[in-house]
PDB file of N, CA and C in Angstrom:
ATOM      1  N   MET A   1      50.334 251.296 -24.361  1.00  0.00           N
ATOM      2  CA  MET A   1      50.603 250.090 -23.615  1.00  0.00           C
ATOM      3  C   MET A   1      49.383 249.792 -22.748  1.00  0.00           C
ATOM      4  N   ASN A   2      48.823 248.644 -22.902  1.00  0.00           N
ATOM      5  CA  ASN A   2      47.641 248.257 -22.138  1.00  0.00           C
ATOM      6  C   ASN A   2      47.992 247.212 -21.095  1.00  0.00           C
ATOM      7  N   ILE A   3      48.814 247.593 -20.155  1.00  0.00           N
ATOM      8  CA  ILE A   3      49.183 246.685 -19.072  1.00  0.00           C
ATOM      9  C   ILE A   3      48.454 247.137 -17.823  1.00  0.00           C
ATOM     10  N   LYS A   4      47.779 246.215 -17.207  1.00  0.00           N
ATOM     11  CA  LYS A   4      47.082 246.514 -15.961  1.00  0.00           C
ATOM     12  C   LYS A   4      48.104 246.482 -14.838  1.00  0.00           C
ATOM     13  N   LEU A   5      48.337 247.647 -14.226  1.00  0.00           N
ATOM     14  CA  LEU A   5      49.303 247.739 -13.137  1.00  0.00           C
ATOM     15  C   LEU A   5      48.672 247.285 -11.831  1.00  0.00           C
ATOM     16  N   PRO A   6      49.451 246.608 -10.997  1.00  0.00           N
ATOM     17  CA  PRO A   6      48.921 246.169  -9.707  1.00  0.00           C
ATOM     18  C   PRO A   6      48.500 247.341  -8.825  1.00  0.00           C
ATOM     19  N   HIS A   7      49.250 248.438  -8.871  1.00  0.00           N
ATOM     20  CA  HIS A   7      48.925 249.642  -8.098  1.00  0.00           C
ATOM     21  C   HIS A   7      48.875 250.819  -9.048  1.00  0.00           C
ATOM     22  N   ASN A   8      47.888 251.651  -8.924  1.00  0.00           N
ATOM     23  CA  ASN A   8      47.777 252.832  -9.774  1.00  0.00           C
ATOM     24  C   ASN A   8      48.165 254.053  -8.955  1.00  0.00           C
ATOM     25  N   HIS A   9      49.443 254.471  -9.068  1.00  0.00           N
ATOM     26  CA  HIS A   9      49.950 255.597  -8.289  1.00  0.00           C
ATOM     27  C   HIS A   9      49.864 256.911  -9.045  1.00  0.00           C
ATOM     28  N   GLN A  10      49.646 256.860 -10.325  1.00  0.00           N
ATOM     29  CA  GLN A  10      49.619 258.081 -11.131  1.00  0.00           C
ATOM     30  C   GLN A  10      48.298 258.209 -11.855  1.00  0.00           C
ATOM     31  N   GLU A  11      47.856 259.460 -11.915  1.00  0.00           N
ATOM     32  CA  GLU A  11      46.688 259.718 -12.745  1.00  0.00           C
ATOM     33  C   GLU A  11      47.124 259.931 -14.193  1.00  0.00           C
ATOM     34  N   ASP A  12      48.315 260.534 -14.372  1.00  0.00           N
ATOM     35  CA  ASP A  12      48.828 260.798 -15.716  1.00  0.00           C
ATOM     36  C   ASP A  12      49.662 259.609 -16.166  1.00  0.00           C
ATOM     37  N   GLU A  13      49.160 258.864 -17.125  1.00  0.00           N
ATOM     38  CA  GLU A  13      49.851 257.665 -17.585  1.00  0.00           C
ATOM     39  C   GLU A  13      50.624 257.912 -18.882  1.00  0.00           C
ATOM     40  N   THR A  14      50.856 259.183 -19.223  1.00  0.00           N
ATOM     41  CA  THR A  14      51.561 259.512 -20.464  1.00  0.00           C
ATOM     42  C   THR A  14      52.945 258.886 -20.490  1.00  0.00           C
ATOM     43  N   ALA A  15      53.708 259.033 -19.407  1.00  0.00           N
ATOM     44  CA  ALA A  15      55.066 258.473 -19.366  1.00  0.00           C
ATOM     45  C   ALA A  15      55.022 256.959 -19.509  1.00  0.00           C
ATOM     46  N   LEU A  16      54.069 256.336 -18.874  1.00  0.00           N
ATOM     47  CA  LEU A  16      53.960 254.881 -18.945  1.00  0.00           C
ATOM     48  C   LEU A  16      53.659 254.422 -20.364  1.00  0.00           C
ATOM     49  N   GLU A  17      52.915 255.224 -21.093  1.00  0.00           N
ATOM     50  CA  GLU A  17      52.565 254.877 -22.470  1.00  0.00           C
ATOM     51  C   GLU A  17      53.722 255.124 -23.439  1.00  0.00           C
ATOM     52  N   GLN A  18      54.717 255.916 -23.012  1.00  0.00           N
ATOM     53  CA  GLN A  18      55.813 256.283 -23.901  1.00  0.00           C
ATOM     54  C   GLN A  18      57.143 255.631 -23.520  1.00  0.00           C
ATOM     55  N   ILE A  19      57.115 254.591 -22.735  1.00  0.00           N
ATOM     56  CA  ILE A  19      58.349 253.898 -22.367  1.00  0.00           C
ATOM     57  C   ILE A  19      59.020 253.411 -23.646  1.00  0.00           C
ATOM     58  N   PRO A  20      60.312 253.770 -23.839  1.00  0.00           N
ATOM     59  CA  PRO A  20      61.006 253.319 -25.054  1.00  0.00           C
ATOM     60  C   PRO A  20      61.117 251.799 -25.093  1.00  0.00           C
ATOM     61  N   SER A  21      61.220 251.281 -26.290  1.00  0.00           N
ATOM     62  CA  SER A  21      61.358 249.834 -26.442  1.00  0.00           C
ATOM     63  C   SER A  21      62.715 249.388 -25.907  1.00  0.00           C
ATOM     64  N   LEU A  22      62.810 248.123 -25.554  1.00  0.00           N
ATOM     65  CA  LEU A  22      64.074 247.563 -25.089  1.00  0.00           C
ATOM     66  C   LEU A  22      65.137 247.708 -26.172  1.00  0.00           C
ATOM     67  N   GLU A  23      64.749 247.538 -27.428  1.00  0.00           N
ATOM     68  CA  GLU A  23      65.689 247.672 -28.547  1.00  0.00           C
ATOM     69  C   GLU A  23      66.292 249.078 -28.593  1.00  0.00           C
ATOM     70  N   ASN A  24      65.459 250.118 -28.442  1.00  0.00           N
ATOM     71  CA  ASN A  24      65.958 251.496 -28.441  1.00  0.00           C
ATOM     72  C   ASN A  24      66.864 251.754 -27.244  1.00  0.00           C
ATOM     73  N   CYS A  25      66.497 251.230 -26.101  1.00  0.00           N
ATOM     74  CA  CYS A  25      67.330 251.408 -24.905  1.00  0.00           C
ATOM     75  C   CYS A  25      68.661 250.687 -25.061  1.00  0.00           C
ATOM     76  N   GLN A  26      68.656 249.528 -25.701  1.00  0.00           N
ATOM     77  CA  GLN A  26      69.900 248.788 -25.919  1.00  0.00           C
ATOM     78  C   GLN A  26      70.813 249.541 -26.875  1.00  0.00           C
ATOM     79  N   MET A  27      70.241 250.139 -27.919  1.00  0.00           N
ATOM     80  CA  MET A  27      71.050 250.930 -28.856  1.00  0.00           C
ATOM     81  C   MET A  27      71.684 252.117 -28.135  1.00  0.00           C
ATOM     82  N   THR A  28      70.946 252.750 -27.236  1.00  0.00           N
ATOM     83  CA  THR A  28      71.482 253.863 -26.453  1.00  0.00           C
ATOM     84  C   THR A  28      72.608 253.386 -25.547  1.00  0.00           C
ATOM     85  N   ALA A  29      72.413 252.257 -24.891  1.00  0.00           N
ATOM     86  CA  ALA A  29      73.455 251.696 -24.024  1.00  0.00           C
ATOM     87  C   ALA A  29      74.710 251.375 -24.828  1.00  0.00           C
ATOM     88  N   ASP A  30      74.534 250.895 -26.049  1.00  0.00           N
ATOM     89  CA  ASP A  30      75.679 250.578 -26.907  1.00  0.00           C
ATOM     90  C   ASP A  30      76.492 251.827 -27.238  1.00  0.00           C
ATOM     91  N   VAL A  31      75.814 252.950 -27.443  1.00  0.00           N
ATOM     92  CA  VAL A  31      76.520 254.205 -27.718  1.00  0.00           C
ATOM     93  C   VAL A  31      77.362 254.593 -26.507  1.00  0.00           C
ATOM     94  N   PHE A  32      76.775 254.534 -25.324  1.00  0.00           N
ATOM     95  CA  PHE A  32      77.524 254.883 -24.114  1.00  0.00           C
ATOM     96  C   PHE A  32      78.649 253.887 -23.852  1.00  0.00           C
ATOM     97  N   ARG A  33      78.464 252.647 -24.244  1.00  0.00           N
ATOM     98  CA  ARG A  33      79.509 251.636 -24.065  1.00  0.00           C
ATOM     99  C   ARG A  33      80.759 252.015 -24.861  1.00  0.00           C
ATOM    100  N   GLN A  34      80.563 252.689 -25.994  1.00  0.00           N
ATOM    101  CA  GLN A  34      81.710 253.134 -26.792  1.00  0.00           C
ATOM    102  C   GLN A  34      82.632 254.030 -25.975  1.00  0.00           C
ATOM    103  N   LEU A  35      82.072 254.720 -24.996  1.00  0.00           N
ATOM    104  CA  LEU A  35      82.857 255.632 -24.170  1.00  0.00           C
ATOM    105  C   LEU A  35      83.098 255.050 -22.777  1.00  0.00           C
ATOM    106  N   GLY A  36      83.048 253.731 -22.670  1.00  0.00           N
ATOM    107  CA  GLY A  36      83.200 253.065 -21.383  1.00  0.00           C
ATOM    108  C   GLY A  36      84.639 252.912 -20.928  1.00  0.00           C
ATOM    109  N   ASP A  37      85.563 253.603 -21.548  1.00  0.00           N
ATOM    110  CA  ASP A  37      86.974 253.519 -21.198  1.00  0.00           C
ATOM    111  C   ASP A  37      87.526 254.944 -21.160  1.00  0.00           C
ATOM    112  N   GLY A  38      88.248 255.281 -20.103  1.00  0.00           N
ATOM    113  CA  GLY A  38      88.775 256.636 -19.946  1.00  0.00           C
ATOM    114  C   GLY A  38      89.674 257.072 -21.089  1.00  0.00           C
ATOM    115  N   ASN A  39      90.503 256.157 -21.582  1.00  0.00           N
ATOM    116  CA  ASN A  39      91.370 256.505 -22.714  1.00  0.00           C
ATOM    117  C   ASN A  39      90.549 256.817 -23.958  1.00  0.00           C
ATOM    118  N   ARG A  40      89.485 256.065 -24.154  1.00  0.00           N
ATOM    119  CA  ARG A  40      88.633 256.291 -25.320  1.00  0.00           C
ATOM    120  C   ARG A  40      87.933 257.642 -25.214  1.00  0.00           C
ATOM    121  N   VAL A  41      87.521 258.010 -24.003  1.00  0.00           N
ATOM    122  CA  VAL A  41      86.904 259.324 -23.803  1.00  0.00           C
ATOM    123  C   VAL A  41      87.908 260.426 -24.137  1.00  0.00           C
ATOM    124  N   ARG A  42      89.152 260.272 -23.677  1.00  0.00           N
ATOM    125  CA  ARG A  42      90.191 261.274 -23.965  1.00  0.00           C
ATOM    126  C   ARG A  42      90.426 261.397 -25.470  1.00  0.00           C
ATOM    127  N   ILE A  43      90.522 260.265 -26.134  1.00  0.00           N
ATOM    128  CA  ILE A  43      90.752 260.281 -27.583  1.00  0.00           C
ATOM    129  C   ILE A  43      89.571 260.936 -28.296  1.00  0.00           C
ATOM    130  N   PHE A  44      88.361 260.556 -27.917  1.00  0.00           N
ATOM    131  CA  PHE A  44      87.174 261.150 -28.536  1.00  0.00           C
ATOM    132  C   PHE A  44      87.150 262.657 -28.290  1.00  0.00           C
ATOM    133  N   TRP A  45      87.435 263.074 -27.054  1.00  0.00           N
ATOM    134  CA  TRP A  45      87.450 264.502 -26.728  1.00  0.00           C
ATOM    135  C   TRP A  45      88.455 265.225 -27.621  1.00  0.00           C
ATOM    136  N   LEU A  46      89.662 264.679 -27.736  1.00  0.00           N
ATOM    137  CA  LEU A  46      90.692 265.281 -28.581  1.00  0.00           C
ATOM    138  C   LEU A  46      90.195 265.437 -30.015  1.00  0.00           C
ATOM    139  N   LEU A  47      89.579 264.382 -30.539  1.00  0.00           N
ATOM    140  CA  LEU A  47      89.133 264.394 -31.933  1.00  0.00           C
ATOM    141  C   LEU A  47      87.914 265.287 -32.149  1.00  0.00           C
ATOM    142  N   CYS A  48      87.257 265.681 -31.079  1.00  0.00           N
ATOM    143  CA  CYS A  48      86.187 266.678 -31.184  1.00  0.00           C
ATOM    144  C   CYS A  48      86.780 268.071 -31.385  1.00  0.00           C
ATOM    145  N   HIS A  49      88.053 268.230 -31.021  1.00  0.00           N
ATOM    146  CA  HIS A  49      88.694 269.540 -31.085  1.00  0.00           C
ATOM    147  C   HIS A  49      89.702 269.677 -32.218  1.00  0.00           C
ATOM    148  N   CYS A  50      90.175 268.556 -32.755  1.00  0.00           N
ATOM    149  CA  CYS A  50      91.141 268.630 -33.852  1.00  0.00           C
ATOM    150  C   CYS A  50      91.169 267.302 -34.604  1.00  0.00           C
ATOM    151  N   GLU A  51      91.804 267.341 -35.740  1.00  0.00           N
ATOM    152  CA  GLU A  51      91.989 266.139 -36.555  1.00  0.00           C
ATOM    153  C   GLU A  51      93.428 265.678 -36.352  1.00  0.00           C
ATOM    154  N   GLU A  52      93.626 264.380 -36.097  1.00  0.00           N
ATOM    155  CA  GLU A  52      94.976 263.871 -35.831  1.00  0.00           C
ATOM    156  C   GLU A  52      95.168 262.488 -36.415  1.00  0.00           C
ATOM    157  N   CYS A  53      96.445 262.140 -36.594  1.00  0.00           N
ATOM    158  CA  CYS A  53      96.815 260.801 -37.052  1.00  0.00           C
ATOM    159  C   CYS A  53      97.138 259.928 -35.840  1.00  0.00           C
ATOM    160  N   VAL A  54      97.217 258.630 -36.053  1.00  0.00           N
ATOM    161  CA  VAL A  54      97.454 257.671 -34.968  1.00  0.00           C
ATOM    162  C   VAL A  54      98.752 257.978 -34.228  1.00  0.00           C
ATOM    163  N   ILE A  55      99.809 258.295 -34.957  1.00  0.00           N
ATOM    164  CA  ILE A  55     101.107 258.527 -34.317  1.00  0.00           C
ATOM    165  C   ILE A  55     101.037 259.716 -33.362  1.00  0.00           C
ATOM    166  N   ASN A  56     100.397 260.800 -33.781  1.00  0.00           N
ATOM    167  CA  ASN A  56     100.273 261.963 -32.903  1.00  0.00           C
ATOM    168  C   ASN A  56      99.346 261.682 -31.726  1.00  0.00           C
ATOM    169  N   ILE A  57      98.261 260.969 -31.984  1.00  0.00           N
ATOM    170  CA  ILE A  57      97.355 260.615 -30.886  1.00  0.00           C
ATOM    171  C   ILE A  57      98.109 259.764 -29.869  1.00  0.00           C
ATOM    172  N   SER A  58      98.901 258.821 -30.346  1.00  0.00           N
ATOM    173  CA  SER A  58      99.692 257.959 -29.459  1.00  0.00           C
ATOM    174  C   SER A  58     100.617 258.790 -28.583  1.00  0.00           C
ATOM    175  N   ALA A  59     101.293 259.764 -29.187  1.00  0.00           N
ATOM    176  CA  ALA A  59     102.209 260.617 -28.425  1.00  0.00           C
ATOM    177  C   ALA A  59     101.450 261.455 -27.399  1.00  0.00           C
ATOM    178  N   LEU A  60     100.337 262.046 -27.817  1.00  0.00           N
ATOM    179  CA  LEU A  60      99.553 262.889 -26.911  1.00  0.00           C
ATOM    180  C   LEU A  60      98.967 262.097 -25.744  1.00  0.00           C
ATOM    181  N   MET A  61      98.539 260.863 -26.017  1.00  0.00           N
ATOM    182  CA  MET A  61      97.915 260.032 -24.988  1.00  0.00           C
ATOM    183  C   MET A  61      98.936 259.202 -24.210  1.00  0.00           C
ATOM    184  N   GLN A  62     100.184 259.215 -24.688  1.00  0.00           N
ATOM    185  CA  GLN A  62     101.250 258.399 -24.097  1.00  0.00           C
ATOM    186  C   GLN A  62     100.841 256.925 -24.077  1.00  0.00           C
ATOM    187  N   MET A  63     100.384 256.487 -25.245  1.00  0.00           N
ATOM    188  CA  MET A  63      99.946 255.111 -25.440  1.00  0.00           C
ATOM    189  C   MET A  63     100.621 254.560 -26.688  1.00  0.00           C
ATOM    190  N   SER A  64     100.664 253.248 -26.801  1.00  0.00           N
ATOM    191  CA  SER A  64     101.219 252.629 -28.005  1.00  0.00           C
ATOM    192  C   SER A  64     100.260 252.830 -29.181  1.00  0.00           C
ATOM    193  N   SER A  65     100.820 252.814 -30.380  1.00  0.00           N
ATOM    194  CA  SER A  65      99.984 252.945 -31.583  1.00  0.00           C
ATOM    195  C   SER A  65      98.946 251.831 -31.692  1.00  0.00           C
ATOM    196  N   PRO A  66      99.301 250.555 -31.384  1.00  0.00           N
ATOM    197  CA  PRO A  66      98.274 249.508 -31.444  1.00  0.00           C
ATOM    198  C   PRO A  66      97.126 249.747 -30.459  1.00  0.00           C
ATOM    199  N   ALA A  67      97.444 250.252 -29.266  1.00  0.00           N
ATOM    200  CA  ALA A  67      96.383 250.525 -28.285  1.00  0.00           C
ATOM    201  C   ALA A  67      95.480 251.644 -28.788  1.00  0.00           C
ATOM    202  N   VAL A  68      96.075 252.692 -29.336  1.00  0.00           N
ATOM    203  CA  VAL A  68      95.285 253.797 -29.884  1.00  0.00           C
ATOM    204  C   VAL A  68      94.436 253.300 -31.051  1.00  0.00           C
ATOM    205  N   SER A  69      95.022 252.495 -31.919  1.00  0.00           N
ATOM    206  CA  SER A  69      94.276 251.955 -33.063  1.00  0.00           C
ATOM    207  C   SER A  69      93.074 251.148 -32.601  1.00  0.00           C
ATOM    208  N   HIS A  70      93.232 250.394 -31.523  1.00  0.00           N
ATOM    209  CA  HIS A  70      92.118 249.617 -30.963  1.00  0.00           C
ATOM    210  C   HIS A  70      90.982 250.555 -30.546  1.00  0.00           C
ATOM    211  N   HIS A  71      91.320 251.620 -29.825  1.00  0.00           N
ATOM    212  CA  HIS A  71      90.296 252.565 -29.377  1.00  0.00           C
ATOM    213  C   HIS A  71      89.654 253.289 -30.559  1.00  0.00           C
ATOM    214  N   LEU A  72      90.461 253.643 -31.544  1.00  0.00           N
ATOM    215  CA  LEU A  72      89.912 254.301 -32.732  1.00  0.00           C
ATOM    216  C   LEU A  72      88.936 253.390 -33.469  1.00  0.00           C
ATOM    217  N   ARG A  73      89.261 252.116 -33.537  1.00  0.00           N
ATOM    218  CA  ARG A  73      88.367 251.145 -34.188  1.00  0.00           C
ATOM    219  C   ARG A  73      87.022 251.098 -33.464  1.00  0.00           C
ATOM    220  N   GLN A  74      87.069 251.084 -32.131  1.00  0.00           N
ATOM    221  CA  GLN A  74      85.829 251.063 -31.346  1.00  0.00           C
ATOM    222  C   GLN A  74      84.996 252.318 -31.612  1.00  0.00           C
ATOM    223  N   LEU A  75      85.652 253.467 -31.598  1.00  0.00           N
ATOM    224  CA  LEU A  75      84.940 254.725 -31.826  1.00  0.00           C
ATOM    225  C   LEU A  75      84.384 254.813 -33.246  1.00  0.00           C
ATOM    226  N   LYS A  76      85.143 254.308 -34.203  1.00  0.00           N
ATOM    227  CA  LYS A  76      84.690 254.340 -35.599  1.00  0.00           C
ATOM    228  C   LYS A  76      83.515 253.388 -35.803  1.00  0.00           C
ATOM    229  N   THR A  77      83.596 252.202 -35.214  1.00  0.00           N
ATOM    230  CA  THR A  77      82.496 251.238 -35.300  1.00  0.00           C
ATOM    231  C   THR A  77      81.218 251.829 -34.717  1.00  0.00           C
ATOM    232  N   GLY A  78      81.364 252.602 -33.651  1.00  0.00           N
ATOM    233  CA  GLY A  78      80.211 253.239 -33.020  1.00  0.00           C
ATOM    234  C   GLY A  78      79.716 254.474 -33.753  1.00  0.00           C
ATOM    235  N   GLY A  79      80.386 254.846 -34.841  1.00  0.00           N
ATOM    236  CA  GLY A  79      79.955 256.002 -35.620  1.00  0.00           C
ATOM    237  C   GLY A  79      80.302 257.338 -34.991  1.00  0.00           C
ATOM    238  N   LEU A  80      81.223 257.339 -34.017  1.00  0.00           N
ATOM    239  CA  LEU A  80      81.555 258.581 -33.326  1.00  0.00           C
ATOM    240  C   LEU A  80      82.697 259.345 -33.978  1.00  0.00           C
ATOM    241  N   ILE A  81      83.521 258.657 -34.768  1.00  0.00           N
ATOM    242  CA  ILE A  81      84.618 259.323 -35.464  1.00  0.00           C
ATOM    243  C   ILE A  81      84.650 258.878 -36.921  1.00  0.00           C
ATOM    244  N   THR A  82      85.347 259.660 -37.721  1.00  0.00           N
ATOM    245  CA  THR A  82      85.573 259.309 -39.119  1.00  0.00           C
ATOM    246  C   THR A  82      87.061 259.446 -39.401  1.00  0.00           C
ATOM    247  N   GLY A  83      87.493 258.822 -40.467  1.00  0.00           N
ATOM    248  CA  GLY A  83      88.891 258.918 -40.862  1.00  0.00           C
ATOM    249  C   GLY A  83      88.997 259.242 -42.335  1.00  0.00           C
ATOM    250  N   ARG A  84      90.048 259.954 -42.681  1.00  0.00           N
ATOM    251  CA  ARG A  84      90.314 260.238 -44.093  1.00  0.00           C
ATOM    252  C   ARG A  84      91.786 259.947 -44.351  1.00  0.00           C
ATOM    253  N   ARG A  85      92.031 259.317 -45.462  1.00  0.00           N
ATOM    254  CA  ARG A  85      93.403 258.944 -45.825  1.00  0.00           C
ATOM    255  C   ARG A  85      94.039 260.072 -46.624  1.00  0.00           C
ATOM    256  N   LYS A  86      95.284 260.384 -46.255  1.00  0.00           N
ATOM    257  CA  LYS A  86      96.091 261.345 -47.009  1.00  0.00           C
ATOM    258  C   LYS A  86      97.475 260.730 -47.124  1.00  0.00           C
ATOM    259  N   GLY A  87      97.770 260.189 -48.291  1.00  0.00           N
ATOM    260  CA  GLY A  87      99.025 259.462 -48.466  1.00  0.00           C
ATOM    261  C   GLY A  87      98.986 258.187 -47.642  1.00  0.00           C
ATOM    262  N   LYS A  88     100.001 258.003 -46.819  1.00  0.00           N
ATOM    263  CA  LYS A  88     100.060 256.809 -45.970  1.00  0.00           C
ATOM    264  C   LYS A  88      99.365 257.001 -44.631  1.00  0.00           C
ATOM    265  N   GLU A  89      99.017 258.229 -44.310  1.00  0.00           N
ATOM    266  CA  GLU A  89      98.410 258.530 -43.012  1.00  0.00           C
ATOM    267  C   GLU A  89      96.887 258.540 -43.094  1.00  0.00           C
ATOM    268  N   VAL A  90      96.261 258.155 -41.988  1.00  0.00           N
ATOM    269  CA  VAL A  90      94.819 258.317 -41.834  1.00  0.00           C
ATOM    270  C   VAL A  90      94.620 259.343 -40.729  1.00  0.00           C
ATOM    271  N   TYR A  91      93.837 260.354 -41.026  1.00  0.00           N
ATOM    272  CA  TYR A  91      93.553 261.412 -40.062  1.00  0.00           C
ATOM    273  C   TYR A  91      92.134 261.215 -39.534  1.00  0.00           C
ATOM    274  N   TYR A  92      92.011 261.257 -38.220  1.00  0.00           N
ATOM    275  CA  TYR A  92      90.731 261.006 -37.565  1.00  0.00           C
ATOM    276  C   TYR A  92      90.189 262.290 -36.960  1.00  0.00           C
ATOM    277  N   ARG A  93      88.866 262.360 -36.922  1.00  0.00           N
ATOM    278  CA  ARG A  93      88.180 263.468 -36.259  1.00  0.00           C
ATOM    279  C   ARG A  93      86.808 262.975 -35.826  1.00  0.00           C
ATOM    280  N   ALA A  94      86.170 263.751 -34.973  1.00  0.00           N
ATOM    281  CA  ALA A  94      84.824 263.390 -34.536  1.00  0.00           C
ATOM    282  C   ALA A  94      83.883 263.443 -35.734  1.00  0.00           C
ATOM    283  N   ALA A  95      82.951 262.533 -35.764  1.00  0.00           N
ATOM    284  CA  ALA A  95      81.951 262.516 -36.839  1.00  0.00           C
ATOM    285  C   ALA A  95      81.092 263.772 -36.746  1.00  0.00           C
ATOM    286  N   ASP A  96      80.682 264.269 -37.877  1.00  0.00           N
ATOM    287  CA  ASP A  96      79.817 265.445 -37.922  1.00  0.00           C
ATOM    288  C   ASP A  96      78.367 264.981 -37.822  1.00  0.00           C
ATOM    289  N   THR A  97      78.033 264.468 -36.648  1.00  0.00           N
ATOM    290  CA  THR A  97      76.680 263.959 -36.409  1.00  0.00           C
ATOM    291  C   THR A  97      76.121 264.577 -35.134  1.00  0.00           C
ATOM    292  N   ARG A  98      74.848 264.573 -35.035  1.00  0.00           N
ATOM    293  CA  ARG A  98      74.191 265.077 -33.827  1.00  0.00           C
ATOM    294  C   ARG A  98      74.619 264.248 -32.616  1.00  0.00           C
ATOM    295  N   GLN A  99      74.703 262.948 -32.818  1.00  0.00           N
ATOM    296  CA  GLN A  99      75.091 262.041 -31.736  1.00  0.00           C
ATOM    297  C   GLN A  99      76.481 262.394 -31.195  1.00  0.00           C
ATOM    298  N   ALA A 100      77.454 262.599 -32.075  1.00  0.00           N
ATOM    299  CA  ALA A 100      78.814 262.930 -31.637  1.00  0.00           C
ATOM    300  C   ALA A 100      78.844 264.289 -30.940  1.00  0.00           C
ATOM    301  N   ARG A 101      78.114 265.261 -31.472  1.00  0.00           N
ATOM    302  CA  ARG A 101      78.084 266.591 -30.842  1.00  0.00           C
ATOM    303  C   ARG A 101      77.466 266.521 -29.452  1.00  0.00           C
ATOM    304  N   LEU A 102      76.384 265.766 -29.309  1.00  0.00           N
ATOM    305  CA  LEU A 102      75.742 265.640 -27.995  1.00  0.00           C
ATOM    306  C   LEU A 102      76.648 264.928 -26.994  1.00  0.00           C
ATOM    307  N   LEU A 103      77.323 263.875 -27.440  1.00  0.00           N
ATOM    308  CA  LEU A 103      78.232 263.168 -26.537  1.00  0.00           C
ATOM    309  C   LEU A 103      79.404 264.053 -26.134  1.00  0.00           C
ATOM    310  N   HIS A 104      79.905 264.852 -27.064  1.00  0.00           N
ATOM    311  CA  HIS A 104      80.982 265.784 -26.730  1.00  0.00           C
ATOM    312  C   HIS A 104      80.505 266.780 -25.678  1.00  0.00           C
ATOM    313  N   LEU A 105      79.334 267.347 -25.880  1.00  0.00           N
ATOM    314  CA  LEU A 105      78.766 268.282 -24.909  1.00  0.00           C
ATOM    315  C   LEU A 105      78.567 267.595 -23.562  1.00  0.00           C
ATOM    316  N   PHE A 106      78.051 266.394 -23.584  1.00  0.00           N
ATOM    317  CA  PHE A 106      77.828 265.617 -22.361  1.00  0.00           C
ATOM    318  C   PHE A 106      79.147 265.417 -21.609  1.00  0.00           C
ATOM    319  N   ILE A 107      80.197 265.033 -22.328  1.00  0.00           N
ATOM    320  CA  ILE A 107      81.508 264.811 -21.707  1.00  0.00           C
ATOM    321  C   ILE A 107      82.016 266.104 -21.076  1.00  0.00           C
ATOM    322  N   GLU A 108      81.922 267.200 -21.801  1.00  0.00           N
ATOM    323  CA  GLU A 108      82.404 268.475 -21.266  1.00  0.00           C
ATOM    324  C   GLU A 108      81.602 268.891 -20.042  1.00  0.00           C
ATOM    325  N   GLU A 109      80.299 268.696 -20.065  1.00  0.00           N
ATOM    326  CA  GLU A 109      79.461 269.053 -18.914  1.00  0.00           C
ATOM    327  C   GLU A 109      79.795 268.185 -17.703  1.00  0.00           C
ATOM    328  N   ILE A 110      79.949 266.892 -17.918  1.00  0.00           N
ATOM    329  CA  ILE A 110      80.284 265.989 -16.812  1.00  0.00           C
ATOM    330  C   ILE A 110      81.639 266.358 -16.230  1.00  0.00           C
ATOM    331  N   MET A 111      82.606 266.674 -17.085  1.00  0.00           N
ATOM    332  CA  MET A 111      83.928 267.072 -16.591  1.00  0.00           C
ATOM    333  C   MET A 111      83.841 268.338 -15.754  1.00  0.00           C
ATOM    334  N   GLU A 112      83.010 269.276 -16.169  1.00  0.00           N
ATOM    335  CA  GLU A 112      82.856 270.519 -15.410  1.00  0.00           C
ATOM    336  C   GLU A 112      82.182 270.253 -14.069  1.00  0.00           C
ATOM    337  N   ILE A 113      81.223 269.353 -14.041  1.00  0.00           N
ATOM    338  CA  ILE A 113      80.544 269.018 -12.790  1.00  0.00           C
ATOM    339  C   ILE A 113      81.492 268.304 -11.841  1.00  0.00           C
ATOM    340  N   THR A 114      82.260 267.349 -12.367  1.00  0.00           N
ATOM    341  CA  THR A 114      83.142 266.556 -11.505  1.00  0.00           C
ATOM    342  C   THR A 114      84.450 267.265 -11.204  1.00  0.00           C
ATOM    343  N   CYS A 115      84.793 268.283 -11.980  1.00  0.00           N
ATOM    344  CA  CYS A 115      86.034 269.026 -11.770  1.00  0.00           C
ATOM    345  C   CYS A 115      85.784 270.490 -12.119  1.00  0.00           C
ATOM    346  N   PRO A 116      85.139 271.239 -11.215  1.00  0.00           N
ATOM    347  CA  PRO A 116      84.789 272.629 -11.525  1.00  0.00           C
ATOM    348  C   PRO A 116      85.979 273.500 -11.908  1.00  0.00           C
ATOM    349  N   SER A 117      87.178 273.200 -11.400  1.00  0.00           N
ATOM    350  CA  SER A 117      88.340 274.030 -11.732  1.00  0.00           C
ATOM    351  C   SER A 117      88.716 273.913 -13.204  1.00  0.00           C
ATOM    352  N   ALA A 118      88.263 272.858 -13.879  1.00  0.00           N
ATOM    353  CA  ALA A 118      88.566 272.684 -15.301  1.00  0.00           C
ATOM    354  C   ALA A 118      87.950 273.807 -16.127  1.00  0.00           C
ATOM    355  N   SER A 119      86.818 274.339 -15.691  1.00  0.00           N
ATOM    356  CA  SER A 119      86.189 275.431 -16.429  1.00  0.00           C
ATOM    357  C   SER A 119      86.982 276.726 -16.297  1.00  0.00           C
ATOM    358  N   GLU A 120      87.898 276.769 -15.329  1.00  0.00           N
ATOM    359  CA  GLU A 120      88.750 277.944 -15.144  1.00  0.00           C
ATOM    360  C   GLU A 120      90.114 277.739 -15.785  1.00  0.00           C
ATOM    361  N   GLY A 121      90.251 276.692 -16.586  1.00  0.00           N
ATOM    362  CA  GLY A 121      91.491 276.438 -17.292  1.00  0.00           C
ATOM    363  C   GLY A 121      92.519 275.644 -16.501  1.00  0.00           C
ATOM    364  N   GLU A 122      92.170 275.189 -15.314  1.00  0.00           N
ATOM    365  CA  GLU A 122      93.096 274.403 -14.503  1.00  0.00           C
ATOM    366  C   GLU A 122      92.924 272.926 -14.820  1.00  0.00           C
ATOM    367  N   ASN A 123      93.966 272.159 -14.577  1.00  0.00           N
ATOM    368  CA  ASN A 123      93.893 270.711 -14.776  1.00  0.00           C
ATOM    369  C   ASN A 123      93.353 270.041 -13.526  1.00  0.00           C
ATOM    370  N   CYS A 124      92.576 269.000 -13.726  1.00  0.00           N
ATOM    371  CA  CYS A 124      92.082 268.207 -12.598  1.00  0.00           C
ATOM    372  C   CYS A 124      93.175 267.245 -12.156  1.00  0.00           C
ATOM    373  N   PRO A 125      93.154 266.871 -10.873  1.00  0.00           N
ATOM    374  CA  PRO A 125      94.147 265.884 -10.399  1.00  0.00           C
ATOM    375  C   PRO A 125      93.946 264.541 -11.049  1.00  0.00           C
TER     376      PRO A 125
END
């Protein structure tokens, strides 16, 4: 990047030369937007640990099936989950991607930071 800065505060301009493009930053923001709802985070977390159908997810989350289906659609569109059909049921699980694994780790780390007792097996308020 050959931009003349008004003030030169750094001798090392490596970071300035490696600023990600707006397009890359927008794609990253879009991934995080997929998890911009607490219910969606819970559903994604669950699907990182097991494979479930909409009816069971609805019962576990205490949400209606249409609401769960809406969240599943968002997560699937974002590439964070996959579904497989078995008879009349579709079973969902976290996608086997680096992105999904990193987001799962990120969620677990944030939960531990914001609720340290969760790492000891206790529920957060």
